[in-house]
């Protein structure tokens, strides 16, 4: 399995502000564990950082380490989510893998970590300046 120890994180430059970061790797590859054929797709990481952000070159190297790994789409997506959640401990994160079609079937897998109980990113980012926003992570403090 790819080694999550290559992931490097740095201190969030604005930990008092909740903001959304999005990174997309458009050249992700792994291998089908049944046929050995290569699988091609894109991986999108969206997250609201806690105290740490992921460094991009380390993220690239981590994602490239799946290149020869025989692994199902669902397992890839969950492994990436688990490893990034452990490395960064984000307030909220979503990993989306969007796989190129094969045999007339395209697949998209999403894994969400953190956020309000039963909630989603819609509850994490508040674009309306007139309403208060309560962080699920910051001890219930309210942000205006």
C-alpha atoms as a PDB file:
ATOM      1  CA  UNK A   1       0.000   0.000   0.000  1.00  0.00           C
ATOM      2  CA  UNK A   2       1.113   3.573  -0.580  1.00  0.00           C
ATOM      3  CA  UNK A   3       2.924   5.095   2.377  1.00  0.00           C
ATOM      4  CA  UNK A   4       1.154   8.025   4.041  1.00  0.00           C
ATOM      5  CA  UNK A   5       4.381   9.001   5.809  1.00  0.00           C
ATOM      6  CA  UNK A   6       5.363  10.944   2.664  1.00  0.00           C
ATOM      7  CA  UNK A   7       2.573  13.452   3.419  1.00  0.00           C
ATOM      8  CA  UNK A   8       4.004  16.669   4.816  1.00  0.00           C
ATOM      9  CA  UNK A   9       1.799  19.212   6.547  1.00  0.00           C
ATOM     10  CA  UNK A  10       2.447  22.812   7.501  1.00  0.00           C
ATOM     11  CA  UNK A  11       0.772  25.134   9.984  1.00  0.00           C
ATOM     12  CA  UNK A  12      -2.453  26.702   8.771  1.00  0.00           C
ATOM     13  CA  UNK A  13      -1.576  30.383   8.227  1.00  0.00           C
ATOM     14  CA  UNK A  14      -5.087  31.495   9.305  1.00  0.00           C
ATOM     15  CA  UNK A  15      -6.405  28.930  11.818  1.00  0.00           C
ATOM     16  CA  UNK A  16      -8.910  31.454  13.218  1.00  0.00           C
ATOM     17  CA  UNK A  17     -10.672  31.624   9.812  1.00  0.00           C
ATOM     18  CA  UNK A  18     -12.536  28.745   8.230  1.00  0.00           C
ATOM     19  CA  UNK A  19     -11.935  28.638   4.492  1.00  0.00           C
ATOM     20  CA  UNK A  20     -12.140  26.036   1.754  1.00  0.00           C
ATOM     21  CA  UNK A  21      -9.086  24.638  -0.032  1.00  0.00           C
ATOM     22  CA  UNK A  22      -9.444  22.562  -3.199  1.00  0.00           C
ATOM     23  CA  UNK A  23      -6.727  20.589  -4.989  1.00  0.00           C
ATOM     24  CA  UNK A  24      -7.303  18.411  -8.068  1.00  0.00           C
ATOM     25  CA  UNK A  25      -4.941  15.807  -9.464  1.00  0.00           C
ATOM     26  CA  UNK A  26      -6.075  15.088 -13.024  1.00  0.00           C
ATOM     27  CA  UNK A  27      -3.576  12.317 -13.755  1.00  0.00           C
ATOM     28  CA  UNK A  28      -4.295   9.740 -11.050  1.00  0.00           C
ATOM     29  CA  UNK A  29      -3.614   6.109 -11.900  1.00  0.00           C
ATOM     30  CA  UNK A  30      -3.928   2.787 -10.152  1.00  0.00           C
ATOM     31  CA  UNK A  31      -4.449  -0.794 -11.319  1.00  0.00           C
ATOM     32  CA  UNK A  32      -7.577  -2.931 -11.379  1.00  0.00           C
ATOM     33  CA  UNK A  33      -6.968  -5.788  -8.909  1.00  0.00           C
ATOM     34  CA  UNK A  34      -9.009  -8.207 -11.059  1.00  0.00           C
ATOM     35  CA  UNK A  35      -7.629  -7.581 -14.550  1.00  0.00           C
ATOM     36  CA  UNK A  36      -4.359  -5.752 -13.935  1.00  0.00           C
ATOM     37  CA  UNK A  37      -5.479  -3.062 -16.378  1.00  0.00           C
ATOM     38  CA  UNK A  38      -4.648   0.536 -15.498  1.00  0.00           C
ATOM     39  CA  UNK A  39      -7.371   2.767 -14.104  1.00  0.00           C
ATOM     40  CA  UNK A  40      -7.235   6.484 -14.868  1.00  0.00           C
ATOM     41  CA  UNK A  41      -9.055   9.267 -13.103  1.00  0.00           C
ATOM     42  CA  UNK A  42      -8.998  12.532 -11.213  1.00  0.00           C
ATOM     43  CA  UNK A  43      -8.800  12.998  -7.462  1.00  0.00           C
ATOM     44  CA  UNK A  44     -10.243  16.148  -5.930  1.00  0.00           C
ATOM     45  CA  UNK A  45      -9.476  17.072  -2.353  1.00  0.00           C
ATOM     46  CA  UNK A  46     -11.660  19.748  -0.756  1.00  0.00           C
ATOM     47  CA  UNK A  47     -11.108  20.657   2.872  1.00  0.00           C
ATOM     48  CA  UNK A  48     -11.555  23.218   5.584  1.00  0.00           C
ATOM     49  CA  UNK A  49      -8.226  23.081   7.407  1.00  0.00           C
ATOM     50  CA  UNK A  50      -7.866  22.750  11.134  1.00  0.00           C
ATOM     51  CA  UNK A  51      -4.367  23.473  12.408  1.00  0.00           C
ATOM     52  CA  UNK A  52      -2.568  21.950   9.394  1.00  0.00           C
ATOM     53  CA  UNK A  53      -2.608  22.085   5.594  1.00  0.00           C
ATOM     54  CA  UNK A  54      -1.103  19.491   3.257  1.00  0.00           C
ATOM     55  CA  UNK A  55       1.984  20.453   1.254  1.00  0.00           C
ATOM     56  CA  UNK A  56       1.344  19.987  -2.479  1.00  0.00           C
ATOM     57  CA  UNK A  57       4.500  18.201  -3.616  1.00  0.00           C
ATOM     58  CA  UNK A  58       4.081  15.617  -0.859  1.00  0.00           C
ATOM     59  CA  UNK A  59       0.431  15.193  -1.885  1.00  0.00           C
ATOM     60  CA  UNK A  60       1.527  14.659  -5.484  1.00  0.00           C
ATOM     61  CA  UNK A  61       4.112  12.048  -4.476  1.00  0.00           C
ATOM     62  CA  UNK A  62       1.584  10.296  -2.242  1.00  0.00           C
ATOM     63  CA  UNK A  63      -1.013  10.126  -5.025  1.00  0.00           C
ATOM     64  CA  UNK A  64       1.586   8.915  -7.543  1.00  0.00           C
ATOM     65  CA  UNK A  65       2.461   6.040  -5.210  1.00  0.00           C
ATOM     66  CA  UNK A  66      -0.862   4.382  -6.157  1.00  0.00           C
ATOM     67  CA  UNK A  67       0.326   4.007  -9.761  1.00  0.00           C
ATOM     68  CA  UNK A  68       1.067   0.255  -9.587  1.00  0.00           C
ATOM     69  CA  UNK A  69      -1.295  -0.575  -6.734  1.00  0.00           C
ATOM     70  CA  UNK A  70      -3.999  -3.169  -7.442  1.00  0.00           C
ATOM     71  CA  UNK A  71      -6.940  -1.566  -5.653  1.00  0.00           C
ATOM     72  CA  UNK A  72     -10.656  -0.981  -6.205  1.00  0.00           C
ATOM     73  CA  UNK A  73     -12.023   2.557  -6.707  1.00  0.00           C
ATOM     74  CA  UNK A  74     -13.849   2.484  -3.386  1.00  0.00           C
ATOM     75  CA  UNK A  75     -10.759   1.354  -1.494  1.00  0.00           C
ATOM     76  CA  UNK A  76      -8.569   4.027  -3.157  1.00  0.00           C
ATOM     77  CA  UNK A  77     -10.961   6.799  -2.194  1.00  0.00           C
ATOM     78  CA  UNK A  78     -11.318   5.629   1.405  1.00  0.00           C
ATOM     79  CA  UNK A  79      -7.555   5.080   1.818  1.00  0.00           C
ATOM     80  CA  UNK A  80      -6.798   8.616   0.615  1.00  0.00           C
ATOM     81  CA  UNK A  81      -9.483  10.034   2.923  1.00  0.00           C
ATOM     82  CA  UNK A  82      -8.180   8.081   5.934  1.00  0.00           C
ATOM     83  CA  UNK A  83      -4.543   9.013   5.339  1.00  0.00           C
ATOM     84  CA  UNK A  84      -5.229  12.713   4.752  1.00  0.00           C
ATOM     85  CA  UNK A  85      -7.588  12.927   7.725  1.00  0.00           C
ATOM     86  CA  UNK A  86      -4.922  11.411   9.959  1.00  0.00           C
ATOM     87  CA  UNK A  87      -2.178  13.698   8.607  1.00  0.00           C
ATOM     88  CA  UNK A  88      -4.150  16.979   8.670  1.00  0.00           C
ATOM     89  CA  UNK A  89      -7.088  16.510  11.070  1.00  0.00           C
ATOM     90  CA  UNK A  90      -9.255  18.881   9.007  1.00  0.00           C
ATOM     91  CA  UNK A  91     -12.465  20.494  10.206  1.00  0.00           C
ATOM     92  CA  UNK A  92     -14.158  19.039   7.104  1.00  0.00           C
ATOM     93  CA  UNK A  93     -12.867  17.173   4.075  1.00  0.00           C
ATOM     94  CA  UNK A  94     -14.237  15.533   0.957  1.00  0.00           C
ATOM     95  CA  UNK A  95     -12.298  13.288  -1.400  1.00  0.00           C
ATOM     96  CA  UNK A  96     -13.846  12.717  -4.816  1.00  0.00           C
ATOM     97  CA  UNK A  97     -12.426  10.244  -7.302  1.00  0.00           C
ATOM     98  CA  UNK A  98     -13.802  10.564 -10.826  1.00  0.00           C
ATOM     99  CA  UNK A  99     -12.783   7.569 -12.914  1.00  0.00           C
ATOM    100  CA  UNK A 100     -12.492   7.472 -16.707  1.00  0.00           C
ATOM    101  CA  UNK A 101     -15.033   5.233 -18.372  1.00  0.00           C
ATOM    102  CA  UNK A 102     -14.319   1.628 -19.139  1.00  0.00           C
ATOM    103  CA  UNK A 103     -16.799  -0.664 -20.844  1.00  0.00           C
ATOM    104  CA  UNK A 104     -19.297   2.191 -21.030  1.00  0.00           C
ATOM    105  CA  UNK A 105     -19.349   2.783 -17.255  1.00  0.00           C
ATOM    106  CA  UNK A 106     -17.950   5.836 -15.457  1.00  0.00           C
ATOM    107  CA  UNK A 107     -17.640   5.911 -11.688  1.00  0.00           C
ATOM    108  CA  UNK A 108     -17.455   8.697  -9.132  1.00  0.00           C
ATOM    109  CA  UNK A 109     -16.733   7.949  -5.467  1.00  0.00           C
ATOM    110  CA  UNK A 110     -17.012  10.520  -2.657  1.00  0.00           C
ATOM    111  CA  UNK A 111     -15.888  10.229   0.951  1.00  0.00           C
ATOM    112  CA  UNK A 112     -16.675  12.960   3.456  1.00  0.00           C
ATOM    113  CA  UNK A 113     -14.907  13.374   6.804  1.00  0.00           C
ATOM    114  CA  UNK A 114     -15.826  15.705   9.661  1.00  0.00           C
ATOM    115  CA  UNK A 115     -18.215  18.607   9.616  1.00  0.00           C
ATOM    116  CA  UNK A 116     -21.511  18.995  11.409  1.00  0.00           C
ATOM    117  CA  UNK A 117     -23.210  15.800  12.508  1.00  0.00           C
ATOM    118  CA  UNK A 118     -24.975  14.470   9.453  1.00  0.00           C
ATOM    119  CA  UNK A 119     -23.990  17.630   7.571  1.00  0.00           C
ATOM    120  CA  UNK A 120     -21.959  18.468   4.531  1.00  0.00           C
ATOM    121  CA  UNK A 121     -19.790  21.217   3.130  1.00  0.00           C
ATOM    122  CA  UNK A 122     -22.856  23.386   2.705  1.00  0.00           C
ATOM    123  CA  UNK A 123     -22.900  23.717   6.481  1.00  0.00           C
ATOM    124  CA  UNK A 124     -19.195  24.504   6.660  1.00  0.00           C
ATOM    125  CA  UNK A 125     -18.846  27.483   4.334  1.00  0.00           C
ATOM    126  CA  UNK A 126     -21.110  30.436   4.966  1.00  0.00           C
ATOM    127  CA  UNK A 127     -21.198  32.987   2.159  1.00  0.00           C
ATOM    128  CA  UNK A 128     -23.981  35.036   3.784  1.00  0.00           C
ATOM    129  CA  UNK A 129     -22.423  37.802   5.887  1.00  0.00           C
ATOM    130  CA  UNK A 130     -25.696  38.433   7.721  1.00  0.00           C
ATOM    131  CA  UNK A 131     -25.877  35.088   9.515  1.00  0.00           C
ATOM    132  CA  UNK A 132     -23.689  33.638  12.254  1.00  0.00           C
ATOM    133  CA  UNK A 133     -21.682  30.515  11.620  1.00  0.00           C
ATOM    134  CA  UNK A 134     -20.940  27.964  14.319  1.00  0.00           C
ATOM    135  CA  UNK A 135     -17.889  25.813  13.853  1.00  0.00           C
ATOM    136  CA  UNK A 136     -18.412  22.159  14.780  1.00  0.00           C
ATOM    137  CA  UNK A 137     -14.750  21.919  15.735  1.00  0.00           C
ATOM    138  CA  UNK A 138     -13.880  25.080  17.617  1.00  0.00           C
ATOM    139  CA  UNK A 139     -15.687  24.263  20.856  1.00  0.00           C
ATOM    140  CA  UNK A 140     -18.994  25.760  19.791  1.00  0.00           C
ATOM    141  CA  UNK A 141     -17.598  29.299  19.458  1.00  0.00           C
ATOM    142  CA  UNK A 142     -19.624  31.490  17.160  1.00  0.00           C
ATOM    143  CA  UNK A 143     -18.121  33.338  14.217  1.00  0.00           C
ATOM    144  CA  UNK A 144     -19.733  36.379  12.644  1.00  0.00           C
END
